[in-house]
Each structure stands twice: as structure tokens, then as C-alpha cells.
Protein backbone atom coordinates (compact mmCIF):
# COMPACT_ATOMS: atom_id res chain seq x y z
CA MET A 1 -3.89 22.59 -32.96
CA THR A 2 -2.88 18.96 -33.54
CA ASP A 3 -5.76 16.56 -33.94
CA PHE A 4 -4.55 13.93 -31.46
CA LYS A 5 -5.60 10.30 -31.48
CA ASN A 6 -7.38 9.05 -28.35
CA HIS A 7 -5.46 6.13 -26.82
CA ASP A 8 -7.68 5.60 -23.76
CA LEU A 9 -9.24 2.16 -23.36
CA VAL A 10 -12.70 3.49 -22.49
CA PRO A 11 -14.46 6.84 -23.12
CA THR A 12 -15.01 7.51 -19.41
CA VAL A 13 -13.94 5.85 -16.17
CA PRO A 14 -16.55 5.47 -13.42
CA GLU A 15 -15.67 7.17 -10.15
CA THR A 16 -17.42 4.90 -7.69
CA GLY A 17 -14.42 3.91 -5.63
CA VAL A 18 -11.42 5.60 -7.26
CA LEU A 19 -11.24 9.33 -7.96
CA PHE A 20 -9.30 11.05 -10.74
CA GLU A 21 -8.41 14.73 -10.60
CA LYS A 22 -5.91 16.95 -12.37
CA LYS A 23 -4.22 19.48 -10.11
CA PRO A 24 -1.91 22.22 -11.43
CA VAL A 25 1.82 21.65 -11.14
CA LYS A 26 3.65 24.55 -9.50
CA GLY A 27 6.77 26.33 -10.69
CA PHE A 28 9.75 27.21 -8.50
CA ASP A 29 7.91 30.39 -7.57
CA GLY A 30 5.09 28.36 -6.03
CA LYS A 31 2.58 29.49 -8.63
CA PRO A 32 0.54 27.06 -10.77
CA VAL A 33 1.92 26.54 -14.27
CA GLU A 34 -0.75 27.03 -16.90
CA GLY A 35 -1.75 23.93 -18.82
CA LEU A 36 0.34 21.37 -16.88
CA PHE A 37 -0.94 19.06 -14.16
CA ALA A 38 -0.37 16.24 -11.70
CA ALA A 39 -2.99 13.52 -12.03
CA TRP A 40 -4.25 12.52 -8.59
CA ILE A 41 -5.63 8.98 -8.37
CA THR A 42 -7.35 8.50 -5.02
CA LEU A 43 -8.61 5.25 -3.50
CA ASN A 44 -11.93 6.39 -2.04
CA ASN A 45 -13.03 3.80 0.50
CA PRO A 46 -12.00 5.42 3.81
CA LYS A 47 -14.54 3.55 5.96
CA GLN A 48 -12.70 0.34 5.08
CA TYR A 49 -9.22 1.89 5.19
CA ASN A 50 -9.20 2.32 1.40
CA SER A 51 -9.12 -1.42 0.81
CA TYR A 52 -9.79 -2.08 -2.86
CA THR A 53 -12.77 -4.03 -4.17
CA THR A 54 -12.77 -5.76 -7.55
CA ASP A 55 -14.43 -2.73 -9.14
CA MET A 56 -11.86 -0.40 -7.57
CA VAL A 57 -9.04 -2.48 -9.02
CA LYS A 58 -10.58 -2.09 -12.49
CA GLU A 59 -11.01 1.65 -11.99
CA THR A 60 -7.39 1.99 -10.85
CA ILE A 61 -6.15 0.21 -13.97
CA LEU A 62 -8.17 2.50 -16.21
CA ASN A 63 -7.17 5.64 -14.34
CA PHE A 64 -3.46 4.86 -14.59
CA ARG A 65 -3.92 4.31 -18.31
CA ARG A 66 -5.81 7.63 -18.49
CA ALA A 67 -3.04 9.46 -16.63
CA SER A 68 -0.38 7.77 -18.73
CA ASN A 69 -2.05 8.99 -21.93
CA SER A 70 -2.71 12.55 -20.74
CA ARG A 71 -0.29 14.77 -22.62
CA ASP A 72 -0.63 17.60 -20.11
CA VAL A 73 0.21 15.44 -17.08
CA VAL A 74 3.72 15.73 -15.62
CA CYS A 75 3.37 13.06 -12.93
CA VAL A 76 0.84 10.92 -11.07
CA VAL A 77 0.04 11.16 -7.37
CA PHE A 78 -1.42 7.92 -6.00
CA THR A 79 -3.08 8.28 -2.60
CA GLY A 80 -6.02 7.36 -0.39
CA ALA A 81 -8.96 9.33 0.98
CA GLY A 82 -8.82 10.63 4.54
CA ASP A 83 -5.91 10.58 6.97
CA ARG A 84 -6.04 7.03 8.33
CA ALA A 85 -4.89 4.87 5.44
CA PHE A 86 -3.33 4.92 2.01
CA CYS A 87 -4.53 1.36 1.48
CA THR A 88 -4.77 -1.84 3.53
CA GLY A 89 -4.97 -4.18 0.54
CA GLY A 90 -7.83 -6.22 -0.83
CA ASN A 91 -11.29 -5.82 0.67
CA THR A 92 -11.48 -8.63 3.25
CA LYS A 93 -15.28 -8.63 3.29
CA GLU A 94 -15.36 -9.34 -0.44
CA TYR A 95 -12.57 -11.89 -0.07
CA ALA A 96 -14.38 -13.73 2.74
CA GLU A 97 -17.87 -13.65 1.26
CA TYR A 98 -17.08 -14.30 -2.40
CA TYR A 99 -13.55 -15.42 -3.17
CA ALA A 100 -12.90 -17.71 -0.18
CA GLY A 101 -13.35 -21.28 -1.41
CA ASN A 102 -13.57 -20.14 -5.07
CA PRO A 103 -10.06 -20.50 -6.48
CA GLU A 104 -10.99 -19.99 -10.12
CA GLU A 105 -12.81 -16.77 -9.31
CA TYR A 106 -9.87 -15.57 -7.24
CA ARG A 107 -7.54 -16.47 -10.10
CA GLN A 108 -9.49 -14.08 -12.33
CA TYR A 109 -9.39 -11.44 -9.62
CA MET A 110 -5.62 -11.85 -9.36
CA ARG A 111 -5.35 -11.26 -13.10
CA LEU A 112 -6.90 -7.85 -12.46
CA PHE A 113 -4.63 -7.24 -9.48
CA ASN A 114 -1.56 -8.15 -11.51
CA ASP A 115 -2.70 -5.79 -14.25
CA MET A 116 -3.06 -3.02 -11.65
CA VAL A 117 0.52 -3.49 -10.41
CA THR A 118 1.83 -3.70 -13.98
CA GLY A 119 -0.14 -0.57 -14.89
CA ILE A 120 1.64 1.35 -12.14
CA LEU A 121 5.05 -0.05 -13.05
CA THR A 122 4.60 0.84 -16.72
CA CYS A 123 2.87 4.19 -16.38
CA ASP A 124 4.36 6.68 -18.84
CA LYS A 125 4.54 9.29 -16.08
CA PRO A 126 6.53 9.19 -12.82
CA VAL A 127 4.30 7.98 -9.96
CA ILE A 128 4.42 9.43 -6.45
CA CYS A 129 2.83 7.42 -3.67
CA ARG A 130 1.37 9.91 -1.20
CA ALA A 131 1.13 7.67 1.87
CA ASN A 132 -1.45 9.59 3.87
CA GLY A 133 -1.81 6.76 6.40
CA MET A 134 -1.16 3.06 6.88
CA ARG A 135 0.15 1.11 3.88
CA ILE A 136 -0.40 -2.54 4.66
CA GLY A 137 -0.67 -5.83 2.73
CA GLY A 138 -1.68 -5.29 -0.88
CA GLY A 139 -1.56 -1.56 -0.16
CA GLN A 140 2.14 -1.94 0.54
CA GLU A 141 2.54 -3.76 -2.76
CA ILE A 142 0.84 -1.17 -4.96
CA GLY A 143 2.71 1.52 -3.04
CA MET A 144 6.07 -0.09 -3.77
CA ALA A 145 5.15 -0.31 -7.45
CA CYS A 146 5.26 3.52 -7.44
CA ASP A 147 8.47 5.43 -8.16
CA TYR A 148 8.60 7.60 -5.03
CA THR A 149 6.91 7.47 -1.64
CA VAL A 150 6.50 10.38 0.74
CA ALA A 151 4.53 9.65 3.87
CA SER A 152 2.80 11.19 6.80
CA ASP A 153 4.92 10.22 9.78
CA LEU A 154 1.74 8.81 11.33
CA ALA A 155 1.66 6.09 8.65
CA ASN A 156 2.97 2.58 9.13
CA PHE A 157 4.10 0.02 6.60
CA GLY A 158 4.03 -3.75 6.49
CA GLN A 159 2.61 -7.08 5.45
CA ALA A 160 -0.17 -9.14 6.99
CA GLY A 161 -0.50 -12.13 4.66
CA PRO A 162 0.74 -15.06 6.79
CA ARG A 163 -1.49 -13.91 9.66
CA HIS A 164 -4.58 -13.79 7.47
CA GLY A 165 -4.09 -16.73 5.15
CA SER A 166 -2.18 -15.17 2.30
CA VAL A 167 1.33 -14.46 1.03
CA ALA A 168 2.84 -11.15 -0.01
CA ASP A 169 3.21 -12.49 -3.56
CA GLY A 170 1.37 -9.54 -5.10
CA GLY A 171 4.66 -7.67 -5.28
CA SER A 172 6.28 -7.54 -1.85
CA THR A 173 8.27 -10.75 -2.20
CA ASP A 174 9.61 -9.27 -5.45
CA PHE A 175 10.04 -5.63 -4.43
CA LEU A 176 11.12 -5.69 -0.78
CA PRO A 177 14.52 -7.33 -1.40
CA VAL A 178 15.18 -4.64 -4.03
CA TYR A 179 14.26 -1.87 -1.60
CA VAL A 180 15.65 -3.09 1.73
CA GLY A 181 17.61 -6.31 1.07
CA ALA A 182 16.77 -9.96 1.60
CA GLU A 183 17.10 -9.97 5.40
CA LEU A 184 14.73 -7.10 6.12
CA GLY A 185 12.47 -8.23 3.28
CA MET A 186 12.20 -11.64 4.96
CA TYR A 187 11.48 -9.96 8.29
CA SER A 188 8.60 -7.94 6.84
CA CYS A 189 7.05 -10.71 4.74
CA THR A 190 7.06 -13.41 7.42
CA LEU A 191 6.76 -11.74 10.83
CA CYS A 192 4.10 -9.21 9.79
CA GLU A 193 5.40 -6.58 12.20
CA PRO A 194 4.78 -3.07 10.85
CA TRP A 195 7.43 -0.41 10.48
CA SER A 196 6.86 3.23 11.35
CA ALA A 197 7.29 5.81 8.61
CA TYR A 198 10.62 6.80 10.18
CA MET A 199 11.80 3.19 10.15
CA ALA A 200 10.64 2.85 6.53
CA ALA A 201 12.67 5.94 5.60
CA ARG A 202 15.65 4.73 7.59
CA VAL A 203 15.87 1.40 5.75
CA GLY A 204 15.19 2.92 2.32
CA LEU A 205 11.63 1.78 1.75
CA ILE A 206 10.32 5.33 1.33
CA SER A 207 11.84 8.67 0.39
CA LYS A 208 10.71 10.79 3.33
CA ALA A 209 8.50 10.90 6.43
CA VAL A 210 6.80 14.24 7.09
CA PRO A 211 5.40 15.35 10.49
CA CYS A 212 1.63 15.77 10.17
CA LEU A 213 0.37 16.08 13.75
CA LYS A 214 -0.45 19.50 15.16
CA VAL A 215 -0.53 19.96 18.92
CA ASP A 216 -1.33 23.45 20.21
CA GLY A 217 -0.91 24.76 16.69
CA GLU A 218 2.61 23.36 16.24
CA LEU A 219 3.69 20.42 14.07
CA ILE A 220 5.40 17.68 16.06
CA PRO A 221 6.90 14.30 15.09
CA ASN A 222 4.80 11.19 15.65
CA PRO A 223 4.71 10.93 19.48
CA MET A 224 4.29 7.12 19.36
CA VAL A 225 7.64 6.58 17.63
CA ILE A 226 11.22 7.11 18.84
CA THR A 227 12.45 10.08 16.80
CA ASP A 228 14.83 11.87 19.16
CA ARG A 229 17.80 9.51 19.43
CA TRP A 230 19.66 6.91 17.39
CA ILE A 231 21.35 4.66 19.94
CA GLU A 232 20.05 3.00 23.11
CA ASN A 233 21.94 0.20 24.88
CA GLY A 234 24.13 -0.21 21.84
CA GLN A 235 21.18 -0.66 19.47
CA ILE A 236 19.80 1.68 16.83
CA VAL A 237 16.26 2.50 17.91
CA TYR A 238 15.43 5.52 15.78
CA GLY A 239 12.10 4.76 14.13
CA ASP A 240 11.07 2.01 16.55
CA PHE A 241 7.60 2.18 18.06
CA LYS A 242 7.58 3.20 21.70
CA THR A 243 6.47 0.68 24.33
CA GLY A 244 4.91 0.62 27.78
CA GLU A 245 4.37 3.94 29.52
CA ASP A 246 6.14 5.84 26.73
CA LEU A 247 3.65 4.50 24.19
CA ALA A 248 0.69 5.29 26.46
CA GLU A 249 1.93 8.86 26.86
CA GLY A 250 2.49 9.11 23.10
CA LYS A 251 -1.08 8.02 22.42
CA LYS A 252 -2.30 10.64 24.86
CA VAL A 253 -0.37 13.33 23.01
CA PHE A 254 -1.71 12.05 19.68
CA ARG A 255 -5.31 12.27 20.91
CA SER A 256 -4.73 15.86 22.00
CA GLY A 257 -3.72 16.95 18.51
CA GLU A 258 -5.15 17.03 15.01
CA VAL A 259 -3.87 15.55 11.79
CA ASP A 260 -2.77 18.11 9.19
CA LEU A 261 -1.64 16.64 5.86
CA SER A 262 -0.69 19.96 4.30
CA PRO A 263 3.05 19.39 4.99
CA LEU A 264 2.76 16.11 3.10
CA ASP A 265 1.24 17.95 0.15
CA VAL A 266 4.10 20.45 0.22
CA GLU A 267 6.55 17.58 -0.24
CA VAL A 268 4.44 16.03 -3.01
CA ASP A 269 4.38 19.41 -4.77
CA ARG A 270 8.15 19.73 -4.37
CA ILE A 271 8.75 16.46 -6.22
CA ALA A 272 6.25 17.42 -8.93
CA THR A 273 7.98 20.78 -9.37
CA ALA A 274 11.39 19.13 -9.62
CA LEU A 275 10.05 16.73 -12.28
CA LEU A 276 8.51 19.65 -14.18
CA HIS A 277 11.97 21.16 -14.57
CA THR A 278 13.49 18.19 -16.40
CA PHE A 279 13.53 17.15 -20.04
CA PRO A 280 10.45 14.92 -20.34
CA GLY A 281 12.08 12.30 -22.53
CA CYS A 282 15.18 12.01 -20.36
CA ALA A 283 13.09 11.86 -17.19
CA THR A 284 10.85 9.14 -18.62
CA LYS A 285 13.81 7.01 -19.74
CA SER A 286 15.46 7.43 -16.33
CA VAL A 287 12.28 6.29 -14.59
CA GLU A 288 11.92 3.29 -16.89
CA SER A 289 15.55 2.28 -16.40
CA VAL A 290 15.33 2.34 -12.62
CA ARG A 291 11.99 0.49 -12.69
CA LYS A 292 13.59 -2.41 -14.56
CA HIS A 293 14.98 -3.81 -11.32
CA LYS A 294 11.48 -4.23 -9.91
CA LEU A 295 9.95 -5.29 -13.21
CA ALA A 296 12.49 -8.07 -13.72
CA HIS A 297 11.35 -9.84 -10.56
CA TRP A 298 7.68 -9.01 -11.05
CA GLU A 299 7.46 -10.35 -14.60
CA LYS A 300 9.31 -13.51 -13.65
CA ASN A 301 7.01 -14.48 -10.78
CA LYS A 302 3.58 -12.89 -11.14
CA GLU A 303 1.82 -15.72 -13.02
CA SER A 304 3.01 -18.59 -10.84
CA ASN A 305 2.24 -16.50 -7.75
CA ARG A 306 -1.26 -15.82 -9.09
CA ALA A 307 -1.90 -19.55 -9.55
CA TRP A 308 -0.69 -20.41 -6.04
CA LEU A 309 -2.72 -17.65 -4.40
CA ALA A 310 -5.85 -18.90 -6.18
CA LEU A 311 -5.42 -22.48 -4.94
CA ASN A 312 -4.65 -21.20 -1.44
CA MET A 313 -8.22 -19.87 -1.27
CA MET A 314 -9.32 -23.48 -0.69
CA THR A 315 -7.36 -23.83 2.56
CA GLU A 316 -5.47 -21.19 4.53
CA GLY A 317 -6.79 -18.26 2.53
CA ARG A 318 -10.37 -19.34 3.06
CA ALA A 319 -9.85 -19.77 6.80
CA GLY A 320 -7.86 -16.60 7.30
CA PHE A 321 -10.16 -14.22 5.49
CA GLN A 322 -13.33 -15.70 6.97
CA ALA A 323 -11.83 -15.49 10.47
CA PHE A 324 -10.96 -11.83 9.95
CA ASN A 325 -14.33 -10.96 8.44
CA GLY A 326 -16.42 -12.91 10.96
CA GLY A 327 -14.42 -12.20 14.11
CA ASN A 328 -14.54 -9.16 16.32
CA LYS A 329 -12.46 -7.30 18.87
CA GLU A 330 -13.53 -9.57 21.72
CA GLN A 331 -13.09 -12.90 19.92
CA GLY A 332 -10.16 -11.85 17.82
CA ARG A 333 -9.87 -11.94 14.04
CA GLU A 334 -7.26 -14.65 13.62
CA VAL A 335 -7.44 -18.43 13.64
CA ASN A 336 -5.93 -20.48 16.47
CA PHE A 337 -2.52 -20.92 14.86
CA ALA A 338 -1.12 -23.28 17.50
CA LEU A 339 -4.16 -25.56 17.24
CA LEU A 340 -3.95 -25.53 13.43
CA ARG A 341 -0.29 -26.51 13.45
CA ARG A 342 -0.90 -29.26 16.02
CA LEU A 343 -3.84 -30.74 14.13
CA LEU A 344 -1.89 -30.76 10.86
CA ALA A 345 1.09 -32.37 12.61
CA GLU A 346 -1.27 -35.08 13.90
CA GLY A 347 -2.40 -35.84 10.36
CA GLU A 348 -5.71 -34.01 10.16
CA THR A 349 -6.43 -32.72 6.66
CA TRP A 350 -8.06 -29.53 5.44
CA GLY A 351 -11.81 -29.64 5.29
CA PRO A 352 -14.92 -28.15 6.93
CA GLU A 353 -14.20 -29.79 10.30
CA LEU A 354 -10.65 -28.48 10.57
CA HIS A 355 -11.79 -25.09 9.30
CA ASP A 356 -14.43 -24.80 12.02
CA LYS A 357 -12.15 -25.96 14.83
CA ILE A 358 -9.67 -23.12 14.35
CA MET A 359 -12.12 -20.22 13.97
CA PRO A 360 -11.81 -17.53 16.65
CA TRP A 361 -15.46 -17.89 17.72
CA ASN A 362 -14.93 -21.59 18.53
CA GLN A 363 -12.05 -21.08 20.95
């Protein structure tokens, strides 16, 4: 037995908010292969839609390094706990209560975030994003840093930054044009309108959407999304969210069923099995070569983006995150955008008075 060196950064990684588990990789016969595994890294904050705290970011970095160094690991599966969300980005409570108004602290936080994205992009093993639910904001960014995405068809994908005082400069402004082109990338980053899993698959953002809703014991496609036709009034509508009475009926069907993620796991296992049956060196070089297109943009922009995002915590970031954290369903969780734009156009400057005027509870 070779006496291997230990290349991990720390002896053990705490599992307070991010879980690490090795699960056997299966052969073509469906049976576990002895001694070979997929490393599952799971964001474990389901009550807050698996949003990541500062400590969770650190744990994610260490766990990707751990998986990368594990000689018996074939691939990494990156996912979230539960069936509601893969990840909705940074923890808005922590943002609002600690980082808002503290640009230097947020700059240090963004160093950690950047290291998390880089750790995914440079992992020595192929990384599968198992999108078990919504992938929004920073969750979208760490998901796109992965090499493959397979999703529950109940998931949705998108950005939220400009509606909450931030910019999708943690990866989306770099990655989206590579995935879907500049036009659709612009649409996602600025309008903040989510795409269904079927739309995401249609435009090339993800590999596959898998039905995960059981009604009367049978799997059915997401009833809140148009999945049964491609053309309506001359327009492609496959993957669009339903509206009006169709949406209301779809929600009713959804409530009558139960979420079953086992078909998603079958697809994750299929990719892991396919990777198992490749030469490891050739597979790794192929992954690294394809990743270069994302890495080129990421490495070019990440530091200047980090600096801008930190300074933004003095103005729009501070207002947006505090509005979201302090608002509620009745008041809303967004600032009065029209009032903000009018006051700025009239020459008012950022400060406590302007901040208070636009908060949802003061409307």
C-alpha cells in the first residue's frame, strides 16, 4: 500500500452548514463499484432556501478541496438539502445585519466567495450540479461554475441582483454569455425574470430537466410550465411559465402531488457511471479544457467586480438587502424604485434620509 501524502488544507472540515458524503458510483449493471465514490457536497440550510452564510462558504471551499484530493472519488455532486432550493445565494439576513454599510467587511467576504467559485472551477474532479430546486442569484453563479447541471423540472433559474441592490458579478455576467449568448445573458442579468427548468434546458443553460412530481402515483411534468407544445401564435412557448387560469390550475395540480427526487438521482447516477467508464486522465484534461472558456472571463473580472460590490454596500446594496430582510409579504421586500430614481434625478444624494424614504415600510 502506497503511503500517500495528505494534501488537504485542514485535518477535518466542520459540517455545520455544508455536508460531505461519499456515495458509491454504480457500474453499467446498476451495482455499486467497490472502492469508488461520488463525493456529495450538500448546502444544508433548507429553512433559508440553502442560502450560504460566511461559514458555509468556507466549508464549501474546504469540501471541494477535500473532494478534489480524494483519490477514490470519480466525480462531485453539488446539491442542496430538501426539495425547494439548490441555493438562493448569499444569506440576506447576514448581508442586511452585518455587511450592509460595511464595504471593507464585504470585500473580505467576497474574497471567500471568489475562492468558492474558483474552487469549483478548478476542482480536479468533474462537478455535477444536482439542482433539486430553485437556483437563484449567487446560487445560479455557483451552479454555473459546475461542469454539468441536471435539474428537477420544478426548479427555476435566474438572477435577482438589480432588484435587491446587487449585480450578478459573482459569475453570472461572466458565465451566462458563454452558456446562452449575450442577448439572453443580458435578459437574465437585468430583468431578473426566472426561467423554468425546461426553458433553461432549451437555451442550453442546463443539461436536462427531469420530472419530479408524482400525482396519483405517476410522474408528470411540472404542471405550472408549458411542456406540451412548441409554437403558439407564431412564438416558441415551450418552457414558458403558464399564466392566468392555466397557472392557477397548474398550482392546484402541484398541491395535489408530492415531490419525488429519485428520478433526478437516477440521472445524476447515469452521468457518474458514464464518467467512471472513461480514462481518468483524458476525462480530467477534457473537463479542464472546456472550463477554460468560463475561467478566462472569471479570472479577468473577479477582482474588479469584488471591489465594486464592496463599495456598493454603502448605497444600493445596503438599501436593497435591508429592505428584503426587514420587509414582509404585506409591505413588500423591495424599495420604491420609482421614488428612488426620481429623487436621484432631482439631485438628492445617498444618505440616511434617502435610504429611509425608499424603504417598503415607509410607503
